[in-house]
Amino acid sequence: MQEILMLIFNKKSDLSAFLSPFINQNKSIGFVPTMGALHEGHLSLLKNSLSENDITVMSIFVNPTQFNNAEDLDKYPRTLERDVQIMLALSNSIIVYAPEVEDIYEGNTVSENFEYDGLENQMEGKHRPGHFDGVGTIVKRLFEIVQPNKAYFGEKDFQQLQIVKKLVSKYNIPVEVIGCPIHREPNGLAMSSRNERLSAIAKEKAAIIYQILSDAKKLFQTNSAEETILFVENEFKKHPEFQLEYFEIADEATLLPVSQKVSDKKYRGFIAIFIENIRLIDNISLN
């Protein structure tokens, strides 16, 4: 295949015109949607796409409709020049789509309404009203623009991954959605663009999140969901610098909270927690 030097598109019309010949030739397009501030987790998604497709497109767009907190949107890191350098160190064959809000929303920056068979009502949906309408709106639009064969999402946002799979299924969007394992810092903290906002001390202390999740996994093998949840809540009470928003144990498929364990179901522990007023999420398979 011809080598593609890294191209950066700011307009969907230009990106579509560029991709059109490849789509007509049935070349496979891999797509990694991001909000930028790239880290090793994003790069792992890119590596998967580069190895499995003829062309890889990465979008970098901080989507306003999925933020229910205006301050969080304002403070979200925007580091496009640095992101491009990070990508170039990996490959110069990545196509970058970095639009302005106007190019995506055309003057109407509001979410569509989506139903995901109840997946949207749990955890993040409960605590961030409208969040998954914003996610569905941007993902659907990006899929329409890029027309990928495969799209790659990290399991750190496991609920989002399940929602995107449901979106594709309900709207008959011809994309294979691929979930990729959580990438962690050496201390166990799940990699996230928000980590850039943490002080060095907070980043070090945040190692406790994964430690407690790992302990909860062990406990869940022999104890009930209720006892495991209580354990996590009590552990964080010993660390007042953290404010636990929720820890829930849910069925991986339905995301419904577990009351009684069933042997053939897959369960996952989900957490959202604040440190230095920065909200971090993580999850762990409990099987």
C-alpha atoms as a PDB file:
ATOM      1  CA  MET A   1       0.000   0.000   0.000  1.00  0.00           C
ATOM      2  CA  GLN A   2       1.189   3.536  -0.716  1.00  0.00           C
ATOM      3  CA  GLU A   3       2.670   5.360   2.262  1.00  0.00           C
ATOM      4  CA  ILE A   4       0.483   8.141   3.611  1.00  0.00           C
ATOM      5  CA  LEU A   5       2.328  11.025   5.254  1.00  0.00           C
ATOM      6  CA  MET A   6       0.445  12.261   8.277  1.00  0.00           C
ATOM      7  CA  LEU A   7      -2.455  14.370   7.112  1.00  0.00           C
ATOM      8  CA  ILE A   8      -4.495  16.571   9.409  1.00  0.00           C
ATOM      9  CA  PHE A   9      -8.024  17.507   8.380  1.00  0.00           C
ATOM     10  CA  ASN A  10     -10.098  20.176  10.101  1.00  0.00           C
ATOM     11  CA  LYS A  11     -13.145  19.885   7.836  1.00  0.00           C
ATOM     12  CA  LYS A  12     -15.297  16.807   7.394  1.00  0.00           C
ATOM     13  CA  SER A  13     -15.818  17.600   3.700  1.00  0.00           C
ATOM     14  CA  ASP A  14     -12.040  17.444   3.086  1.00  0.00           C
ATOM     15  CA  LEU A  15     -11.670  14.244   5.107  1.00  0.00           C
ATOM     16  CA  SER A  16     -14.585  12.578   3.273  1.00  0.00           C
ATOM     17  CA  ALA A  17     -13.135  13.575  -0.101  1.00  0.00           C
ATOM     18  CA  PHE A  18      -9.771  12.098   0.871  1.00  0.00           C
ATOM     19  CA  LEU A  19     -11.233   8.830   2.200  1.00  0.00           C
ATOM     20  CA  SER A  20     -13.739   8.312  -0.622  1.00  0.00           C
ATOM     21  CA  PRO A  21     -11.337   6.558  -3.078  1.00  0.00           C
ATOM     22  CA  PHE A  22     -10.190   4.167  -0.341  1.00  0.00           C
ATOM     23  CA  ILE A  23     -13.795   3.327   0.546  1.00  0.00           C
ATOM     24  CA  ASN A  24     -14.544   2.716  -3.157  1.00  0.00           C
ATOM     25  CA  GLN A  25     -11.551   0.347  -3.339  1.00  0.00           C
ATOM     26  CA  ASN A  26     -12.880  -1.566  -0.282  1.00  0.00           C
ATOM     27  CA  LYS A  27      -9.793  -0.665   1.755  1.00  0.00           C
ATOM     28  CA  SER A  28     -10.375  -1.302   5.461  1.00  0.00           C
ATOM     29  CA  ILE A  29     -10.544   1.812   7.627  1.00  0.00           C
ATOM     30  CA  GLY A  30      -9.771   1.642  11.337  1.00  0.00           C
ATOM     31  CA  PHE A  31     -10.948   4.492  13.540  1.00  0.00           C
ATOM     32  CA  VAL A  32      -9.854   5.677  16.987  1.00  0.00           C
ATOM     33  CA  PRO A  33     -12.070   8.491  18.337  1.00  0.00           C
ATOM     34  CA  THR A  34     -10.418  10.532  21.113  1.00  0.00           C
ATOM     35  CA  MET A  35     -10.604  13.862  22.899  1.00  0.00           C
ATOM     36  CA  GLY A  36      -6.827  14.260  22.605  1.00  0.00           C
ATOM     37  CA  ALA A  37      -4.238  14.652  25.386  1.00  0.00           C
ATOM     38  CA  LEU A  38      -2.893  11.345  24.140  1.00  0.00           C
ATOM     39  CA  HIS A  39      -1.267   8.730  26.366  1.00  0.00           C
ATOM     40  CA  GLU A  40      -0.116   5.120  26.060  1.00  0.00           C
ATOM     41  CA  GLY A  41      -3.701   3.892  26.272  1.00  0.00           C
ATOM     42  CA  HIS A  42      -4.609   5.802  23.104  1.00  0.00           C
ATOM     43  CA  LEU A  43      -1.437   4.564  21.409  1.00  0.00           C
ATOM     44  CA  SER A  44      -2.385   0.956  22.162  1.00  0.00           C
ATOM     45  CA  LEU A  45      -5.685   1.539  20.318  1.00  0.00           C
ATOM     46  CA  LEU A  46      -3.776   3.061  17.400  1.00  0.00           C
ATOM     47  CA  LYS A  47      -1.369   0.112  17.266  1.00  0.00           C
ATOM     48  CA  ASN A  48      -4.303  -2.308  17.061  1.00  0.00           C
ATOM     49  CA  SER A  49      -5.876  -0.300  14.254  1.00  0.00           C
ATOM     50  CA  LEU A  50      -2.612   0.062  12.318  1.00  0.00           C
ATOM     51  CA  SER A  51      -2.017  -3.698  12.460  1.00  0.00           C
ATOM     52  CA  GLU A  52      -5.576  -4.644  11.425  1.00  0.00           C
ATOM     53  CA  ASN A  53      -6.498  -2.084   8.735  1.00  0.00           C
ATOM     54  CA  ASP A  54      -5.252  -0.510   5.496  1.00  0.00           C
ATOM     55  CA  ILE A  55      -5.883   3.008   6.826  1.00  0.00           C
ATOM     56  CA  THR A  56      -6.172   4.409  10.358  1.00  0.00           C
ATOM     57  CA  VAL A  57      -8.032   7.598  11.240  1.00  0.00           C
ATOM     58  CA  MET A  58      -7.840   9.214  14.684  1.00  0.00           C
ATOM     59  CA  SER A  59     -10.190  12.028  15.635  1.00  0.00           C
ATOM     60  CA  ILE A  60      -9.186  14.606  18.226  1.00  0.00           C
ATOM     61  CA  PHE A  61     -12.224  16.541  19.372  1.00  0.00           C
ATOM     62  CA  VAL A  62     -13.286  17.681  22.835  1.00  0.00           C
ATOM     63  CA  ASN A  63     -17.013  17.110  22.477  1.00  0.00           C
ATOM     64  CA  PRO A  64     -19.015  19.767  24.387  1.00  0.00           C
ATOM     65  CA  THR A  65     -22.310  17.843  24.425  1.00  0.00           C
ATOM     66  CA  GLN A  66     -20.994  15.038  26.658  1.00  0.00           C
ATOM     67  CA  PHE A  67     -19.924  17.375  29.487  1.00  0.00           C
ATOM     68  CA  ASN A  68     -22.557  18.154  32.102  1.00  0.00           C
ATOM     69  CA  ASN A  69     -20.015  20.323  33.962  1.00  0.00           C
ATOM     70  CA  ALA A  70     -18.935  23.516  32.156  1.00  0.00           C
ATOM     71  CA  GLU A  71     -15.810  23.883  34.304  1.00  0.00           C
ATOM     72  CA  ASP A  72     -14.738  20.321  33.440  1.00  0.00           C
ATOM     73  CA  LEU A  73     -15.131  21.139  29.724  1.00  0.00           C
ATOM     74  CA  ASP A  74     -13.087  24.349  30.066  1.00  0.00           C
ATOM     75  CA  LYS A  75     -10.267  22.601  31.930  1.00  0.00           C
ATOM     76  CA  TYR A  76     -10.092  19.534  29.702  1.00  0.00           C
ATOM     77  CA  PRO A  77      -6.523  19.429  28.297  1.00  0.00           C
ATOM     78  CA  ARG A  78      -6.146  20.450  24.653  1.00  0.00           C
ATOM     79  CA  THR A  79      -2.697  19.548  23.318  1.00  0.00           C
ATOM     80  CA  LEU A  80      -3.040  19.034  19.561  1.00  0.00           C
ATOM     81  CA  GLU A  81       0.569  19.886  18.596  1.00  0.00           C
ATOM     82  CA  ARG A  82       1.954  17.537  21.236  1.00  0.00           C
ATOM     83  CA  ASP A  83      -0.567  14.852  20.233  1.00  0.00           C
ATOM     84  CA  VAL A  84       0.588  15.014  16.609  1.00  0.00           C
ATOM     85  CA  GLN A  85       4.223  14.605  17.677  1.00  0.00           C
ATOM     86  CA  ILE A  86       3.287  11.580  19.797  1.00  0.00           C
ATOM     87  CA  MET A  87       1.482  10.024  16.820  1.00  0.00           C
ATOM     88  CA  LEU A  88       4.368  10.757  14.453  1.00  0.00           C
ATOM     89  CA  ALA A  89       6.709   8.879  16.775  1.00  0.00           C
ATOM     90  CA  LEU A  90       4.433   5.863  16.332  1.00  0.00           C
ATOM     91  CA  SER A  91       3.637   6.150  12.612  1.00  0.00           C
ATOM     92  CA  ASN A  92       3.336   8.819   9.933  1.00  0.00           C
ATOM     93  CA  SER A  93       0.491   6.880   8.290  1.00  0.00           C
ATOM     94  CA  ILE A  94      -2.245   8.040  10.663  1.00  0.00           C
ATOM     95  CA  ILE A  95      -4.945  10.344   9.283  1.00  0.00           C
ATOM     96  CA  VAL A  96      -5.970  12.966  11.862  1.00  0.00           C
ATOM     97  CA  TYR A  97      -9.392  14.599  11.984  1.00  0.00           C
ATOM     98  CA  ALA A  98      -9.262  17.592  14.349  1.00  0.00           C
ATOM     99  CA  PRO A  99     -12.428  19.621  13.685  1.00  0.00           C
ATOM    100  CA  GLU A 100     -13.790  22.736  15.315  1.00  0.00           C
ATOM    101  CA  VAL A 101     -17.186  22.516  17.028  1.00  0.00           C
ATOM    102  CA  GLU A 102     -18.823  24.269  14.062  1.00  0.00           C
ATOM    103  CA  ASP A 103     -17.671  21.588  11.601  1.00  0.00           C
ATOM    104  CA  ILE A 104     -19.344  18.857  13.660  1.00  0.00           C
ATOM    105  CA  TYR A 105     -22.456  20.638  14.916  1.00  0.00           C
ATOM    106  CA  GLU A 106     -23.044  23.290  12.218  1.00  0.00           C
ATOM    107  CA  GLY A 107     -24.277  25.920  14.669  1.00  0.00           C
ATOM    108  CA  ASN A 108     -26.572  23.569  16.618  1.00  0.00           C
ATOM    109  CA  THR A 109     -24.480  22.269  19.500  1.00  0.00           C
ATOM    110  CA  VAL A 110     -27.075  20.027  21.113  1.00  0.00           C
ATOM    111  CA  SER A 111     -27.349  16.286  21.620  1.00  0.00           C
ATOM    112  CA  GLU A 112     -29.752  13.928  19.926  1.00  0.00           C
ATOM    113  CA  ASN A 113     -31.729  11.714  22.307  1.00  0.00           C
ATOM    114  CA  PHE A 114     -30.840   8.046  22.443  1.00  0.00           C
ATOM    115  CA  GLU A 115     -32.144   4.995  24.232  1.00  0.00           C
ATOM    116  CA  TYR A 116     -29.719   2.175  24.888  1.00  0.00           C
ATOM    117  CA  ASP A 117     -32.126  -0.348  26.449  1.00  0.00           C
ATOM    118  CA  GLY A 118     -31.383   0.951  29.941  1.00  0.00           C
ATOM    119  CA  LEU A 119     -27.563   0.839  29.736  1.00  0.00           C
ATOM    120  CA  GLU A 120     -27.599   4.648  29.917  1.00  0.00           C
ATOM    121  CA  ASN A 121     -29.406   4.762  33.271  1.00  0.00           C
ATOM    122  CA  GLN A 122     -26.651   3.183  35.351  1.00  0.00           C
ATOM    123  CA  MET A 123     -23.490   4.609  36.939  1.00  0.00           C
ATOM    124  CA  GLU A 124     -22.151   7.388  34.687  1.00  0.00           C
ATOM    125  CA  GLY A 125     -25.625   7.988  33.269  1.00  0.00           C
ATOM    126  CA  LYS A 126     -27.018   8.414  36.773  1.00  0.00           C
ATOM    127  CA  HIS A 127     -24.296  10.829  37.858  1.00  0.00           C
ATOM    128  CA  ARG A 128     -23.808  12.739  34.592  1.00  0.00           C
ATOM    129  CA  PRO A 129     -27.240  13.532  33.131  1.00  0.00           C
ATOM    130  CA  GLY A 130     -27.234  13.729  29.331  1.00  0.00           C
ATOM    131  CA  HIS A 131     -23.688  12.369  29.084  1.00  0.00           C
ATOM    132  CA  PHE A 132     -24.536   9.361  26.935  1.00  0.00           C
ATOM    133  CA  ASP A 133     -26.786  11.394  24.626  1.00  0.00           C
ATOM    134  CA  GLY A 134     -23.660  13.479  23.961  1.00  0.00           C
ATOM    135  CA  VAL A 135     -21.542  10.365  23.458  1.00  0.00           C
ATOM    136  CA  GLY A 136     -24.081   8.830  21.071  1.00  0.00           C
ATOM    137  CA  THR A 137     -24.396  12.081  19.111  1.00  0.00           C
ATOM    138  CA  ILE A 138     -20.665  12.501  18.511  1.00  0.00           C
ATOM    139  CA  VAL A 139     -19.899   8.819  17.888  1.00  0.00           C
ATOM    140  CA  LYS A 140     -22.757   8.467  15.374  1.00  0.00           C
ATOM    141  CA  ARG A 141     -21.642  11.612  13.529  1.00  0.00           C
ATOM    142  CA  LEU A 142     -18.005  10.542  13.471  1.00  0.00           C
ATOM    143  CA  PHE A 143     -18.980   7.100  12.155  1.00  0.00           C
ATOM    144  CA  GLU A 144     -21.008   8.787   9.390  1.00  0.00           C
ATOM    145  CA  ILE A 145     -18.050  11.014   8.455  1.00  0.00           C
ATOM    146  CA  VAL A 146     -15.231   8.443   8.625  1.00  0.00           C
ATOM    147  CA  GLN A 147     -17.237   5.347   7.577  1.00  0.00           C
ATOM    148  CA  PRO A 148     -14.829   2.974   9.345  1.00  0.00           C
ATOM    149  CA  ASN A 149     -14.884  -0.813   9.208  1.00  0.00           C
ATOM    150  CA  LYS A 150     -13.545  -1.115  12.765  1.00  0.00           C
ATOM    151  CA  ALA A 151     -13.572   1.327  15.681  1.00  0.00           C
ATOM    152  CA  TYR A 152     -11.425   0.959  18.792  1.00  0.00           C
ATOM    153  CA  PHE A 153     -12.431   1.959  22.335  1.00  0.00           C
ATOM    154  CA  GLY A 154     -10.645   1.450  25.651  1.00  0.00           C
ATOM    155  CA  GLU A 155     -12.224  -0.637  28.400  1.00  0.00           C
ATOM    156  CA  LYS A 156     -11.461   2.083  30.978  1.00  0.00           C
ATOM    157  CA  ASP A 157     -14.758   3.580  29.807  1.00  0.00           C
ATOM    158  CA  PHE A 158     -16.443   0.165  29.893  1.00  0.00           C
ATOM    159  CA  GLN A 159     -19.972   1.546  30.157  1.00  0.00           C
ATOM    160  CA  GLN A 160     -19.300   3.796  27.159  1.00  0.00           C
ATOM    161  CA  LEU A 161     -17.967   0.777  25.227  1.00  0.00           C
ATOM    162  CA  GLN A 162     -21.204  -1.153  25.894  1.00  0.00           C
ATOM    163  CA  ILE A 163     -23.263   1.913  24.929  1.00  0.00           C
ATOM    164  CA  VAL A 164     -21.402   2.316  21.610  1.00  0.00           C
ATOM    165  CA  LYS A 165     -21.945  -1.381  20.840  1.00  0.00           C
ATOM    166  CA  LYS A 166     -25.657  -0.908  21.556  1.00  0.00           C
ATOM    167  CA  LEU A 167     -25.760   2.246  19.381  1.00  0.00           C
ATOM    168  CA  VAL A 168     -24.236   0.350  16.436  1.00  0.00           C
ATOM    169  CA  SER A 169     -26.651  -2.543  16.898  1.00  0.00           C
ATOM    170  CA  LYS A 170     -29.817  -0.413  17.291  1.00  0.00           C
ATOM    171  CA  TYR A 171     -29.034   1.938  14.406  1.00  0.00           C
ATOM    172  CA  ASN A 172     -27.624  -0.757  12.095  1.00  0.00           C
ATOM    173  CA  ILE A 173     -24.324   1.096  11.693  1.00  0.00           C
ATOM    174  CA  PRO A 174     -21.903  -1.153   9.759  1.00  0.00           C
ATOM    175  CA  VAL A 175     -18.948  -0.829  12.157  1.00  0.00           C
ATOM    176  CA  GLU A 176     -17.232  -3.498  14.249  1.00  0.00           C
ATOM    177  CA  VAL A 177     -16.653  -2.031  17.721  1.00  0.00           C
ATOM    178  CA  ILE A 178     -13.537  -3.421  19.390  1.00  0.00           C
ATOM    179  CA  GLY A 179     -12.829  -3.053  23.107  1.00  0.00           C
ATOM    180  CA  CYS A 180      -9.162  -2.892  24.153  1.00  0.00           C
ATOM    181  CA  PRO A 181      -7.689  -3.546  27.628  1.00  0.00           C
ATOM    182  CA  ILE A 182      -7.130  -0.745  30.152  1.00  0.00           C
ATOM    183  CA  HIS A 183      -3.612   0.714  30.058  1.00  0.00           C
ATOM    184  CA  ARG A 184      -2.227   1.585  33.480  1.00  0.00           C
ATOM    185  CA  GLU A 185       0.527   3.771  34.902  1.00  0.00           C
ATOM    186  CA  PRO A 186       3.368   1.801  36.590  1.00  0.00           C
ATOM    187  CA  ASN A 187       1.569   2.373  39.930  1.00  0.00           C
ATOM    188  CA  GLY A 188      -1.693   0.893  38.603  1.00  0.00           C
ATOM    189  CA  LEU A 189      -3.607   4.135  37.996  1.00  0.00           C
ATOM    190  CA  ALA A 190      -5.748   3.797  34.864  1.00  0.00           C
ATOM    191  CA  MET A 191      -4.331   6.037  32.139  1.00  0.00           C
ATOM    192  CA  SER A 192      -6.582   8.998  31.414  1.00  0.00           C
ATOM    193  CA  SER A 193      -6.197  12.431  29.860  1.00  0.00           C
ATOM    194  CA  ARG A 194      -7.505  13.824  33.164  1.00  0.00           C
ATOM    195  CA  ASN A 195      -4.412  12.455  34.934  1.00  0.00           C
ATOM    196  CA  GLU A 196      -2.494  15.399  33.430  1.00  0.00           C
ATOM    197  CA  ARG A 197      -4.381  17.685  35.793  1.00  0.00           C
ATOM    198  CA  LEU A 198      -3.261  15.773  38.917  1.00  0.00           C
ATOM    199  CA  SER A 199      -0.351  16.972  41.020  1.00  0.00           C
ATOM    200  CA  ALA A 200       2.578  14.531  41.343  1.00  0.00           C
ATOM    201  CA  ILE A 201       1.485  13.764  44.918  1.00  0.00           C
ATOM    202  CA  ALA A 202      -2.127  13.065  43.925  1.00  0.00           C
ATOM    203  CA  LYS A 203      -0.988  10.852  41.053  1.00  0.00           C
ATOM    204  CA  GLU A 204       1.088   8.839  43.505  1.00  0.00           C
ATOM    205  CA  LYS A 205      -1.769   8.585  46.015  1.00  0.00           C
ATOM    206  CA  ALA A 206      -4.216   7.561  43.260  1.00  0.00           C
ATOM    207  CA  ALA A 207      -2.395   4.216  43.032  1.00  0.00           C
ATOM    208  CA  ILE A 208      -4.650   3.185  45.937  1.00  0.00           C
ATOM    209  CA  ILE A 209      -7.676   3.099  43.577  1.00  0.00           C
ATOM    210  CA  TYR A 210      -6.432   0.063  41.670  1.00  0.00           C
ATOM    211  CA  GLN A 211      -5.090  -1.559  44.846  1.00  0.00           C
ATOM    212  CA  ILE A 212      -8.528  -1.385  46.465  1.00  0.00           C
ATOM    213  CA  LEU A 213     -10.216  -2.618  43.263  1.00  0.00           C
ATOM    214  CA  SER A 214      -7.825  -5.585  43.167  1.00  0.00           C
ATOM    215  CA  ASP A 215      -8.579  -6.369  46.815  1.00  0.00           C
ATOM    216  CA  ALA A 216     -12.312  -6.121  46.056  1.00  0.00           C
ATOM    217  CA  LYS A 217     -11.877  -8.643  43.231  1.00  0.00           C
ATOM    218  CA  LYS A 218     -10.322 -11.146  45.633  1.00  0.00           C
ATOM    219  CA  LEU A 219     -13.023 -10.527  48.234  1.00  0.00           C
ATOM    220  CA  PHE A 220     -15.836 -10.950  45.710  1.00  0.00           C
ATOM    221  CA  GLN A 221     -14.767 -14.547  45.041  1.00  0.00           C
ATOM    222  CA  THR A 222     -16.005 -15.582  48.498  1.00  0.00           C
ATOM    223  CA  ASN A 223     -18.253 -12.718  49.622  1.00  0.00           C
ATOM    224  CA  SER A 224     -21.454 -11.083  48.421  1.00  0.00           C
ATOM    225  CA  ALA A 225     -21.677  -7.974  46.252  1.00  0.00           C
ATOM    226  CA  GLU A 226     -23.047  -6.037  49.239  1.00  0.00           C
ATOM    227  CA  GLU A 227     -20.095  -7.024  51.456  1.00  0.00           C
ATOM    228  CA  THR A 228     -17.615  -6.180  48.687  1.00  0.00           C
ATOM    229  CA  ILE A 229     -19.153  -2.744  48.146  1.00  0.00           C
ATOM    230  CA  LEU A 230     -19.068  -2.044  51.881  1.00  0.00           C
ATOM    231  CA  PHE A 231     -15.388  -3.054  51.973  1.00  0.00           C
ATOM    232  CA  VAL A 232     -14.517  -0.553  49.197  1.00  0.00           C
ATOM    233  CA  GLU A 233     -16.495   2.246  50.847  1.00  0.00           C
ATOM    234  CA  ASN A 234     -14.798   1.623  54.198  1.00  0.00           C
ATOM    235  CA  GLU A 235     -11.339   1.484  52.605  1.00  0.00           C
ATOM    236  CA  PHE A 236     -11.777   4.921  51.049  1.00  0.00           C
ATOM    237  CA  LYS A 237     -12.971   6.344  54.366  1.00  0.00           C
ATOM    238  CA  LYS A 238      -9.383   5.734  55.514  1.00  0.00           C
ATOM    239  CA  HIS A 239      -8.191   8.116  52.768  1.00  0.00           C
ATOM    240  CA  PRO A 240     -10.063  11.408  53.269  1.00  0.00           C
ATOM    241  CA  GLU A 241      -8.265  13.052  50.342  1.00  0.00           C
ATOM    242  CA  PHE A 242     -10.573  10.969  48.121  1.00  0.00           C
ATOM    243  CA  GLN A 243     -14.315  11.557  47.709  1.00  0.00           C
ATOM    244  CA  LEU A 244     -15.988   8.359  46.499  1.00  0.00           C
ATOM    245  CA  GLU A 245     -18.890   9.124  44.165  1.00  0.00           C
ATOM    246  CA  TYR A 246     -19.837   5.493  43.609  1.00  0.00           C
ATOM    247  CA  PHE A 247     -18.565   1.937  43.630  1.00  0.00           C
ATOM    248  CA  GLU A 248     -20.966  -0.478  41.986  1.00  0.00           C
ATOM    249  CA  ILE A 249     -20.842  -4.122  41.005  1.00  0.00           C
ATOM    250  CA  ALA A 250     -22.781  -4.761  37.828  1.00  0.00           C
ATOM    251  CA  ASP A 251     -23.549  -7.425  35.263  1.00  0.00           C
ATOM    252  CA  GLU A 252     -21.195  -6.749  32.313  1.00  0.00           C
ATOM    253  CA  ALA A 253     -23.938  -7.285  29.721  1.00  0.00           C
ATOM    254  CA  THR A 254     -26.829  -5.321  31.259  1.00  0.00           C
ATOM    255  CA  LEU A 255     -24.828  -3.029  33.605  1.00  0.00           C
ATOM    256  CA  LEU A 256     -27.544  -3.632  36.192  1.00  0.00           C
ATOM    257  CA  PRO A 257     -26.387  -3.752  39.829  1.00  0.00           C
ATOM    258  CA  VAL A 258     -25.933  -7.252  41.212  1.00  0.00           C
ATOM    259  CA  SER A 259     -28.060  -8.373  44.136  1.00  0.00           C
ATOM    260  CA  GLN A 260     -27.234 -12.073  44.020  1.00  0.00           C
ATOM    261  CA  LYS A 261     -24.309 -13.712  42.228  1.00  0.00           C
ATOM    262  CA  VAL A 262     -25.102 -16.156  39.418  1.00  0.00           C
ATOM    263  CA  SER A 263     -22.310 -18.536  38.415  1.00  0.00           C
ATOM    264  CA  ASP A 264     -22.494 -18.109  34.623  1.00  0.00           C
ATOM    265  CA  LYS A 265     -22.572 -14.285  34.559  1.00  0.00           C
ATOM    266  CA  LYS A 266     -19.688 -11.882  34.166  1.00  0.00           C
ATOM    267  CA  TYR A 267     -19.401  -9.132  36.769  1.00  0.00           C
ATOM    268  CA  ARG A 268     -17.380  -5.949  36.908  1.00  0.00           C
ATOM    269  CA  GLY A 269     -16.678  -3.395  39.620  1.00  0.00           C
ATOM    270  CA  PHE A 270     -17.069   0.250  38.570  1.00  0.00           C
ATOM    271  CA  ILE A 271     -15.743   3.264  40.450  1.00  0.00           C
ATOM    272  CA  ALA A 272     -15.869   7.060  40.171  1.00  0.00           C
ATOM    273  CA  ILE A 273     -13.843   9.069  42.648  1.00  0.00           C
ATOM    274  CA  PHE A 274     -12.533  12.597  43.139  1.00  0.00           C
ATOM    275  CA  ILE A 275      -9.082  13.698  44.208  1.00  0.00           C
ATOM    276  CA  GLU A 276      -8.024  17.374  44.009  1.00  0.00           C
ATOM    277  CA  ASN A 277     -11.530  17.967  42.607  1.00  0.00           C
ATOM    278  CA  ILE A 278     -10.612  15.896  39.530  1.00  0.00           C
ATOM    279  CA  ARG A 279     -12.948  13.027  38.702  1.00  0.00           C
ATOM    280  CA  LEU A 280     -11.361   9.675  37.891  1.00  0.00           C
ATOM    281  CA  ILE A 281     -13.101   6.480  36.795  1.00  0.00           C
ATOM    282  CA  ASP A 282     -11.883   2.902  36.663  1.00  0.00           C
ATOM    283  CA  ASN A 283     -13.265  -0.627  36.566  1.00  0.00           C
ATOM    284  CA  ILE A 284     -12.145  -4.206  37.050  1.00  0.00           C
ATOM    285  CA  SER A 285     -13.428  -7.584  35.904  1.00  0.00           C
ATOM    286  CA  LEU A 286     -14.462  -9.560  38.979  1.00  0.00           C
ATOM    287  CA  ASN A 287     -14.597 -13.044  37.392  1.00  0.00           C
END
